[in-house]
Amino acid sequence: MPSLCLAAAQSLSIPGDLAANIERHCAFVHAAAEAGVELLLFPELSLSGYEPERVASCVVDPAGPALAPLRELAQQKKMILILGAPLASGSERPHIGAIVLFPDGSHATYHKRHLHPGEERWASAGDAASCSFALGAERCALAICADTGHAEHAAAAAATGASLYLAGVLISKQGYATDSATLQGHAARHGFGVLMANHGGPSGGYAAAGRSAFWDARGQLVGATEGPGEQLLILRGQPDGAWSAQRLTP
């Protein structure tokens, strides 16, 4: 494996305030670029917050003017950005989505396949079993929160040849032990690295645990943030397959 630098952006979201959240995302990108990050992963619905009553009014167009600052930064910093955002579904219930902004100006989207119980009242499930893309010699597959609780989702990611499983989540303090153990199990079972970006504070009535983390392809915890609060978890992969972790405050 060539040298590689990934990061989880453990961000805070202002409920329904796209402009303020985009500005804060930009600050994370600048801090990550200083550390040489090539791919930056944000939490589930990071651009809107996990706010069921607000997401329909916060639908984001990946090619629209609102995201221009982040598209420009992806190109300037030569960094892949993975943003959490509500995406249009063709109905009044938007998708819970991930937007991938590439350094060449292109983009891709992924729609959360497996909704958490109750989310069907305000969100639409996606149809695709997996979404993956290349990062140098690596292949990255996306997951959004409850996706990770379904063994078939991780298996579908592995079937694409993924060497990295990237999960933007909202995990509460109460759910952290179970959900982190599941992610560790996916890493060990499928032999891929797992990067998880959690919210840094409350969203939608949930007290997020923070503790964004990375497990290597053996299922070993390489590093995690120490708790809630805005932080960057930076992972550096070496040609021999070893990883190291660094924590920064953006």
C-alpha atoms as a PDB file:
ATOM      1  CA  MET A   1       0.000   0.000   0.000  1.00  0.00           C
ATOM      2  CA  PRO A   2       1.426   3.420  -0.921  1.00  0.00           C
ATOM      3  CA  SER A   3       1.508   6.056   1.824  1.00  0.00           C
ATOM      4  CA  LEU A   4      -1.988   7.417   2.446  1.00  0.00           C
ATOM      5  CA  CYS A   5      -3.539  10.025   4.745  1.00  0.00           C
ATOM      6  CA  LEU A   6      -7.214   9.921   5.751  1.00  0.00           C
ATOM      7  CA  ALA A   7      -9.167  11.850   8.359  1.00  0.00           C
ATOM      8  CA  ALA A   8     -12.492  11.867  10.167  1.00  0.00           C
ATOM      9  CA  ALA A   9     -13.952  15.315  10.797  1.00  0.00           C
ATOM     10  CA  GLN A  10     -15.773  15.135  14.131  1.00  0.00           C
ATOM     11  CA  SER A  11     -17.836  18.248  13.537  1.00  0.00           C
ATOM     12  CA  LEU A  12     -20.706  20.052  15.240  1.00  0.00           C
ATOM     13  CA  SER A  13     -23.790  20.944  13.178  1.00  0.00           C
ATOM     14  CA  ILE A  14     -26.026  23.975  13.696  1.00  0.00           C
ATOM     15  CA  PRO A  15     -29.601  22.717  13.150  1.00  0.00           C
ATOM     16  CA  GLY A  16     -30.773  23.589   9.644  1.00  0.00           C
ATOM     17  CA  ASP A  17     -28.126  26.291   9.038  1.00  0.00           C
ATOM     18  CA  LEU A  18     -26.476  25.211   5.791  1.00  0.00           C
ATOM     19  CA  ALA A  19     -24.420  28.380   5.383  1.00  0.00           C
ATOM     20  CA  ALA A  20     -22.903  28.197   8.869  1.00  0.00           C
ATOM     21  CA  ASN A  21     -22.258  24.477   8.578  1.00  0.00           C
ATOM     22  CA  ILE A  22     -20.577  24.877   5.188  1.00  0.00           C
ATOM     23  CA  GLU A  23     -18.343  27.561   6.660  1.00  0.00           C
ATOM     24  CA  ARG A  24     -17.343  25.232   9.489  1.00  0.00           C
ATOM     25  CA  HIS A  25     -16.726  22.392   7.029  1.00  0.00           C
ATOM     26  CA  CYS A  26     -14.354  24.691   5.155  1.00  0.00           C
ATOM     27  CA  ALA A  27     -12.402  25.300   8.373  1.00  0.00           C
ATOM     28  CA  PHE A  28     -12.009  21.538   8.811  1.00  0.00           C
ATOM     29  CA  VAL A  29     -10.771  21.220   5.220  1.00  0.00           C
ATOM     30  CA  HIS A  30      -8.127  23.891   5.758  1.00  0.00           C
ATOM     31  CA  ALA A  31      -6.909  22.214   8.943  1.00  0.00           C
ATOM     32  CA  ALA A  32      -6.868  18.802   7.265  1.00  0.00           C
ATOM     33  CA  ALA A  33      -4.935  20.166   4.282  1.00  0.00           C
ATOM     34  CA  GLU A  34      -2.226  21.485   6.614  1.00  0.00           C
ATOM     35  CA  ALA A  35      -1.805  17.908   7.847  1.00  0.00           C
ATOM     36  CA  GLY A  36      -1.589  16.470   4.324  1.00  0.00           C
ATOM     37  CA  VAL A  37      -4.984  14.739   4.360  1.00  0.00           C
ATOM     38  CA  GLU A  38      -6.105  13.237   1.043  1.00  0.00           C
ATOM     39  CA  LEU A  39      -9.631  12.192   2.069  1.00  0.00           C
ATOM     40  CA  LEU A  40     -11.832  13.825   4.711  1.00  0.00           C
ATOM     41  CA  LEU A  41     -14.986  12.126   5.997  1.00  0.00           C
ATOM     42  CA  PHE A  42     -17.782  14.039   7.775  1.00  0.00           C
ATOM     43  CA  PRO A  43     -20.627  12.630   9.938  1.00  0.00           C
ATOM     44  CA  GLU A  44     -24.146  11.682   8.860  1.00  0.00           C
ATOM     45  CA  LEU A  45     -26.174  14.769   7.810  1.00  0.00           C
ATOM     46  CA  SER A  46     -23.268  17.011   8.797  1.00  0.00           C
ATOM     47  CA  LEU A  47     -24.464  19.885   6.592  1.00  0.00           C
ATOM     48  CA  SER A  48     -27.936  20.064   8.123  1.00  0.00           C
ATOM     49  CA  GLY A  49     -27.657  18.284  11.438  1.00  0.00           C
ATOM     50  CA  TYR A  50     -29.671  15.176  12.215  1.00  0.00           C
ATOM     51  CA  GLU A  51     -32.898  17.161  12.435  1.00  0.00           C
ATOM     52  CA  PRO A  52     -35.946  15.236  11.141  1.00  0.00           C
ATOM     53  CA  GLU A  53     -38.194  18.300  11.082  1.00  0.00           C
ATOM     54  CA  ARG A  54     -35.650  20.338   9.099  1.00  0.00           C
ATOM     55  CA  VAL A  55     -34.037  18.001   6.584  1.00  0.00           C
ATOM     56  CA  ALA A  56     -36.684  18.450   3.869  1.00  0.00           C
ATOM     57  CA  SER A  57     -35.908  22.174   3.808  1.00  0.00           C
ATOM     58  CA  CYS A  58     -32.156  21.530   3.699  1.00  0.00           C
ATOM     59  CA  VAL A  59     -31.912  19.369   0.565  1.00  0.00           C
ATOM     60  CA  VAL A  60     -28.556  20.036  -1.084  1.00  0.00           C
ATOM     61  CA  ASP A  61     -27.735  20.054  -4.795  1.00  0.00           C
ATOM     62  CA  PRO A  62     -24.199  18.635  -5.121  1.00  0.00           C
ATOM     63  CA  ALA A  63     -23.591  20.863  -8.154  1.00  0.00           C
ATOM     64  CA  GLY A  64     -25.454  23.906  -6.789  1.00  0.00           C
ATOM     65  CA  PRO A  65     -24.046  27.247  -5.668  1.00  0.00           C
ATOM     66  CA  ALA A  66     -24.273  26.512  -1.932  1.00  0.00           C
ATOM     67  CA  LEU A  67     -21.496  23.938  -2.126  1.00  0.00           C
ATOM     68  CA  ALA A  68     -19.236  26.019  -4.387  1.00  0.00           C
ATOM     69  CA  PRO A  69     -16.803  26.849  -1.544  1.00  0.00           C
ATOM     70  CA  LEU A  70     -16.336  23.168  -0.721  1.00  0.00           C
ATOM     71  CA  ARG A  71     -16.051  22.122  -4.374  1.00  0.00           C
ATOM     72  CA  GLU A  72     -13.356  24.746  -4.859  1.00  0.00           C
ATOM     73  CA  LEU A  73     -11.480  23.609  -1.758  1.00  0.00           C
ATOM     74  CA  ALA A  74     -11.585  19.976  -2.888  1.00  0.00           C
ATOM     75  CA  GLN A  75      -9.873  21.060  -6.089  1.00  0.00           C
ATOM     76  CA  GLN A  76      -7.421  23.499  -4.487  1.00  0.00           C
ATOM     77  CA  LYS A  77      -6.350  21.130  -1.731  1.00  0.00           C
ATOM     78  CA  LYS A  78      -6.482  18.008  -3.945  1.00  0.00           C
ATOM     79  CA  MET A  79      -8.655  16.344  -1.326  1.00  0.00           C
ATOM     80  CA  ILE A  80     -11.677  14.038  -1.540  1.00  0.00           C
ATOM     81  CA  LEU A  81     -14.467  15.370   0.701  1.00  0.00           C
ATOM     82  CA  ILE A  82     -17.364  13.204   1.893  1.00  0.00           C
ATOM     83  CA  LEU A  83     -20.204  15.352   3.211  1.00  0.00           C
ATOM     84  CA  GLY A  84     -23.368  14.280   5.013  1.00  0.00           C
ATOM     85  CA  ALA A  85     -26.457  15.931   3.492  1.00  0.00           C
ATOM     86  CA  PRO A  86     -30.153  15.518   2.672  1.00  0.00           C
ATOM     87  CA  LEU A  87     -30.498  14.712  -1.041  1.00  0.00           C
ATOM     88  CA  ALA A  88     -33.520  14.924  -3.327  1.00  0.00           C
ATOM     89  CA  SER A  89     -35.477  11.689  -3.701  1.00  0.00           C
ATOM     90  CA  GLY A  90     -38.358  12.732  -5.950  1.00  0.00           C
ATOM     91  CA  SER A  91     -40.711  12.698  -2.961  1.00  0.00           C
ATOM     92  CA  GLU A  92     -41.309  14.861   0.091  1.00  0.00           C
ATOM     93  CA  ARG A  93     -39.079  12.503   2.074  1.00  0.00           C
ATOM     94  CA  PRO A  94     -35.455  13.151   1.031  1.00  0.00           C
ATOM     95  CA  HIS A  95     -32.628  10.664   1.047  1.00  0.00           C
ATOM     96  CA  ILE A  96     -30.119  10.713   3.875  1.00  0.00           C
ATOM     97  CA  GLY A  97     -27.120  11.091   1.645  1.00  0.00           C
ATOM     98  CA  ALA A  98     -23.384  11.374   1.260  1.00  0.00           C
ATOM     99  CA  ILE A  99     -21.853  13.712  -1.316  1.00  0.00           C
ATOM    100  CA  VAL A 100     -18.351  12.902  -2.544  1.00  0.00           C
ATOM    101  CA  LEU A 101     -16.474  15.888  -3.971  1.00  0.00           C
ATOM    102  CA  PHE A 102     -13.407  14.897  -6.003  1.00  0.00           C
ATOM    103  CA  PRO A 103     -10.312  17.014  -6.728  1.00  0.00           C
ATOM    104  CA  ASP A 104     -11.053  16.985 -10.470  1.00  0.00           C
ATOM    105  CA  GLY A 105     -14.337  18.854  -9.920  1.00  0.00           C
ATOM    106  CA  SER A 106     -16.600  15.817 -10.324  1.00  0.00           C
ATOM    107  CA  HIS A 107     -18.876  14.427  -7.647  1.00  0.00           C
ATOM    108  CA  ALA A 108     -20.740  11.266  -6.657  1.00  0.00           C
ATOM    109  CA  THR A 109     -23.617  10.602  -4.286  1.00  0.00           C
ATOM    110  CA  TYR A 110     -24.736   7.734  -2.088  1.00  0.00           C
ATOM    111  CA  HIS A 111     -28.165   7.304  -0.467  1.00  0.00           C
ATOM    112  CA  LYS A 112     -28.451   5.568   2.903  1.00  0.00           C
ATOM    113  CA  ARG A 113     -29.681   2.068   2.111  1.00  0.00           C
ATOM    114  CA  HIS A 114     -30.813   0.897   5.541  1.00  0.00           C
ATOM    115  CA  LEU A 115     -32.887   3.368   7.535  1.00  0.00           C
ATOM    116  CA  HIS A 116     -32.962   3.349  11.322  1.00  0.00           C
ATOM    117  CA  PRO A 117     -36.417   2.434  12.666  1.00  0.00           C
ATOM    118  CA  GLY A 118     -38.554   5.574  12.533  1.00  0.00           C
ATOM    119  CA  GLU A 119     -36.542   7.311   9.820  1.00  0.00           C
ATOM    120  CA  GLU A 120     -38.971   6.081   7.168  1.00  0.00           C
ATOM    121  CA  ARG A 121     -41.415   8.715   8.432  1.00  0.00           C
ATOM    122  CA  TRP A 122     -39.214  11.528   7.098  1.00  0.00           C
ATOM    123  CA  ALA A 123     -36.584   9.941   4.838  1.00  0.00           C
ATOM    124  CA  SER A 124     -36.490   7.641   1.807  1.00  0.00           C
ATOM    125  CA  ALA A 125     -34.178   4.636   1.634  1.00  0.00           C
ATOM    126  CA  GLY A 126     -31.685   4.355  -1.205  1.00  0.00           C
ATOM    127  CA  ASP A 127     -31.691   1.531  -3.727  1.00  0.00           C
ATOM    128  CA  ALA A 128     -27.970   0.847  -4.200  1.00  0.00           C
ATOM    129  CA  ALA A 129     -26.424  -1.889  -2.064  1.00  0.00           C
ATOM    130  CA  SER A 130     -23.038  -0.177  -2.140  1.00  0.00           C
ATOM    131  CA  CYS A 131     -21.117   2.822  -3.480  1.00  0.00           C
ATOM    132  CA  SER A 132     -17.368   2.715  -3.991  1.00  0.00           C
ATOM    133  CA  PHE A 133     -14.602   4.698  -5.668  1.00  0.00           C
ATOM    134  CA  ALA A 134     -10.852   4.555  -6.116  1.00  0.00           C
ATOM    135  CA  LEU A 135      -8.304   6.419  -4.017  1.00  0.00           C
ATOM    136  CA  GLY A 136      -4.946   5.649  -5.564  1.00  0.00           C
ATOM    137  CA  ALA A 137      -4.414   1.911  -5.150  1.00  0.00           C
ATOM    138  CA  GLU A 138      -7.191   1.720  -2.546  1.00  0.00           C
ATOM    139  CA  ARG A 139     -10.932   1.301  -3.035  1.00  0.00           C
ATOM    140  CA  CYS A 140     -13.288   3.137  -0.687  1.00  0.00           C
ATOM    141  CA  ALA A 141     -16.877   2.094   0.059  1.00  0.00           C
ATOM    142  CA  LEU A 142     -19.402   4.365   1.773  1.00  0.00           C
ATOM    143  CA  ALA A 143     -21.798   3.674   4.633  1.00  0.00           C
ATOM    144  CA  ILE A 144     -24.159   5.900   6.576  1.00  0.00           C
ATOM    145  CA  CYS A 145     -24.912   5.068  10.210  1.00  0.00           C
ATOM    146  CA  ALA A 146     -27.584   2.312  10.335  1.00  0.00           C
ATOM    147  CA  ASP A 147     -26.111   0.771   7.164  1.00  0.00           C
ATOM    148  CA  THR A 148     -23.283  -0.489   9.343  1.00  0.00           C
ATOM    149  CA  GLY A 149     -25.670  -2.542  11.467  1.00  0.00           C
ATOM    150  CA  HIS A 150     -26.512  -4.781   8.508  1.00  0.00           C
ATOM    151  CA  ALA A 151     -23.958  -7.491   7.753  1.00  0.00           C
ATOM    152  CA  GLU A 152     -25.033  -7.590   4.113  1.00  0.00           C
ATOM    153  CA  HIS A 153     -24.041  -3.947   3.643  1.00  0.00           C
ATOM    154  CA  ALA A 154     -20.450  -4.538   4.709  1.00  0.00           C
ATOM    155  CA  ALA A 155     -20.408  -7.701   2.599  1.00  0.00           C
ATOM    156  CA  ALA A 156     -21.591  -5.762  -0.460  1.00  0.00           C
ATOM    157  CA  ALA A 157     -18.826  -3.227   0.141  1.00  0.00           C
ATOM    158  CA  ALA A 158     -16.259  -6.016   0.349  1.00  0.00           C
ATOM    159  CA  ALA A 159     -17.607  -7.481  -2.894  1.00  0.00           C
ATOM    160  CA  THR A 160     -16.650  -4.261  -4.709  1.00  0.00           C
ATOM    161  CA  GLY A 161     -13.036  -4.897  -3.696  1.00  0.00           C
ATOM    162  CA  ALA A 162     -13.114  -2.205  -1.010  1.00  0.00           C
ATOM    163  CA  SER A 163     -10.027  -1.894   1.169  1.00  0.00           C
ATOM    164  CA  LEU A 164     -11.564   0.974   3.178  1.00  0.00           C
ATOM    165  CA  TYR A 165     -15.101   1.235   4.600  1.00  0.00           C
ATOM    166  CA  LEU A 166     -16.008   4.859   5.371  1.00  0.00           C
ATOM    167  CA  ALA A 167     -18.944   5.448   7.725  1.00  0.00           C
ATOM    168  CA  GLY A 168     -20.469   8.835   8.525  1.00  0.00           C
ATOM    169  CA  VAL A 169     -22.618   8.302  11.612  1.00  0.00           C
ATOM    170  CA  LEU A 170     -24.566   9.711  14.523  1.00  0.00           C
ATOM    171  CA  ILE A 171     -23.861   7.369  17.415  1.00  0.00           C
ATOM    172  CA  SER A 172     -25.090   8.212  20.903  1.00  0.00           C
ATOM    173  CA  LYS A 173     -23.222   7.556  24.110  1.00  0.00           C
ATOM    174  CA  GLN A 174     -25.656   4.739  24.881  1.00  0.00           C
ATOM    175  CA  GLY A 175     -25.162   3.041  21.512  1.00  0.00           C
ATOM    176  CA  TYR A 176     -21.426   3.474  21.143  1.00  0.00           C
ATOM    177  CA  ALA A 177     -20.223   0.201  22.641  1.00  0.00           C
ATOM    178  CA  THR A 178     -22.474  -1.908  20.432  1.00  0.00           C
ATOM    179  CA  ASP A 179     -21.951   0.083  17.239  1.00  0.00           C
ATOM    180  CA  SER A 180     -18.176   0.346  17.579  1.00  0.00           C
ATOM    181  CA  ALA A 181     -17.939  -3.394  18.191  1.00  0.00           C
ATOM    182  CA  THR A 182     -19.935  -3.966  14.995  1.00  0.00           C
ATOM    183  CA  LEU A 183     -17.569  -1.766  12.999  1.00  0.00           C
ATOM    184  CA  GLN A 184     -14.551  -3.530  14.458  1.00  0.00           C
ATOM    185  CA  GLY A 185     -16.130  -6.845  13.468  1.00  0.00           C
ATOM    186  CA  HIS A 186     -16.623  -5.678   9.873  1.00  0.00           C
ATOM    187  CA  ALA A 187     -12.937  -4.735   9.668  1.00  0.00           C
ATOM    188  CA  ALA A 188     -11.765  -8.114  10.941  1.00  0.00           C
ATOM    189  CA  ARG A 189     -14.274 -10.136   8.922  1.00  0.00           C
ATOM    190  CA  HIS A 190     -13.672  -8.468   5.574  1.00  0.00           C
ATOM    191  CA  GLY A 191     -10.052  -7.445   5.936  1.00  0.00           C
ATOM    192  CA  PHE A 192     -10.609  -3.739   5.257  1.00  0.00           C
ATOM    193  CA  GLY A 193      -9.880  -0.601   7.234  1.00  0.00           C
ATOM    194  CA  VAL A 194     -12.915   1.083   8.807  1.00  0.00           C
ATOM    195  CA  LEU A 195     -13.033   4.855   9.333  1.00  0.00           C
ATOM    196  CA  MET A 196     -15.944   6.229  11.375  1.00  0.00           C
ATOM    197  CA  ALA A 197     -16.782   9.959  11.682  1.00  0.00           C
ATOM    198  CA  ASN A 198     -19.258  10.774  14.453  1.00  0.00           C
ATOM    199  CA  HIS A 199     -20.895  14.056  15.443  1.00  0.00           C
ATOM    200  CA  GLY A 200     -19.005  16.058  18.034  1.00  0.00           C
ATOM    201  CA  GLY A 201     -22.078  17.082  20.005  1.00  0.00           C
ATOM    202  CA  PRO A 202     -25.859  16.869  20.312  1.00  0.00           C
ATOM    203  CA  SER A 203     -27.948  16.623  17.158  1.00  0.00           C
ATOM    204  CA  GLY A 204     -31.644  15.890  16.775  1.00  0.00           C
ATOM    205  CA  GLY A 205     -32.044  15.231  20.464  1.00  0.00           C
ATOM    206  CA  TYR A 206     -29.239  12.660  20.578  1.00  0.00           C
ATOM    207  CA  ALA A 207     -26.166  13.117  22.758  1.00  0.00           C
ATOM    208  CA  ALA A 208     -23.468  12.063  20.306  1.00  0.00           C
ATOM    209  CA  ALA A 209     -20.568  10.142  21.805  1.00  0.00           C
ATOM    210  CA  GLY A 210     -17.886  11.589  19.552  1.00  0.00           C
ATOM    211  CA  ARG A 211     -15.037   9.053  19.729  1.00  0.00           C
ATOM    212  CA  SER A 212     -14.587   8.899  15.960  1.00  0.00           C
ATOM    213  CA  ALA A 213     -12.308   5.964  15.240  1.00  0.00           C
ATOM    214  CA  PHE A 214     -10.314   3.846  12.799  1.00  0.00           C
ATOM    215  CA  TRP A 215      -9.813   0.072  12.831  1.00  0.00           C
ATOM    216  CA  ASP A 216      -7.236  -1.571  10.598  1.00  0.00           C
ATOM    217  CA  ALA A 217      -7.803  -4.599   8.370  1.00  0.00           C
ATOM    218  CA  ARG A 218      -7.185  -6.953  11.313  1.00  0.00           C
ATOM    219  CA  GLY A 219      -9.864  -5.238  13.380  1.00  0.00           C
ATOM    220  CA  GLN A 220      -7.332  -3.526  15.650  1.00  0.00           C
ATOM    221  CA  LEU A 221      -8.226  -0.055  16.929  1.00  0.00           C
ATOM    222  CA  VAL A 222      -5.564   2.304  15.567  1.00  0.00           C
ATOM    223  CA  GLY A 223      -6.920   5.501  17.082  1.00  0.00           C
ATOM    224  CA  ALA A 224      -9.981   7.388  18.281  1.00  0.00           C
ATOM    225  CA  THR A 225     -10.896  10.831  19.503  1.00  0.00           C
ATOM    226  CA  GLU A 226     -11.217  11.036  23.273  1.00  0.00           C
ATOM    227  CA  GLY A 227     -14.896  12.023  23.393  1.00  0.00           C
ATOM    228  CA  PRO A 228     -17.209  14.723  22.052  1.00  0.00           C
ATOM    229  CA  GLY A 229     -16.117  18.123  20.764  1.00  0.00           C
ATOM    230  CA  GLU A 230     -14.786  19.248  17.398  1.00  0.00           C
ATOM    231  CA  GLN A 231     -11.717  17.218  16.488  1.00  0.00           C
ATOM    232  CA  LEU A 232      -9.834  15.785  13.540  1.00  0.00           C
ATOM    233  CA  LEU A 233      -8.730  12.164  13.667  1.00  0.00           C
ATOM    234  CA  ILE A 234      -5.914  11.740  11.148  1.00  0.00           C
ATOM    235  CA  LEU A 235      -4.728   8.314   9.975  1.00  0.00           C
ATOM    236  CA  ARG A 236      -1.487   7.739   8.122  1.00  0.00           C
ATOM    237  CA  GLY A 237      -1.035   4.488   6.262  1.00  0.00           C
ATOM    238  CA  GLN A 238       2.424   3.190   5.361  1.00  0.00           C
ATOM    239  CA  PRO A 239       3.546   0.973   2.465  1.00  0.00           C
ATOM    240  CA  ASP A 240       3.930  -1.980   4.862  1.00  0.00           C
ATOM    241  CA  GLY A 241       0.251  -1.746   5.812  1.00  0.00           C
ATOM    242  CA  ALA A 242       0.817  -0.178   9.238  1.00  0.00           C
ATOM    243  CA  TRP A 243      -1.288   2.804  10.364  1.00  0.00           C
ATOM    244  CA  SER A 244      -0.717   5.580  12.871  1.00  0.00           C
ATOM    245  CA  ALA A 245      -3.224   8.062  14.334  1.00  0.00           C
ATOM    246  CA  GLN A 246      -3.057  11.720  15.281  1.00  0.00           C
ATOM    247  CA  ARG A 247      -5.679  13.948  16.916  1.00  0.00           C
ATOM    248  CA  LEU A 248      -5.976  17.653  16.118  1.00  0.00           C
ATOM    249  CA  THR A 249      -8.351  20.454  17.105  1.00  0.00           C
ATOM    250  CA  PRO A 250      -9.325  22.392  13.946  1.00  0.00           C
END
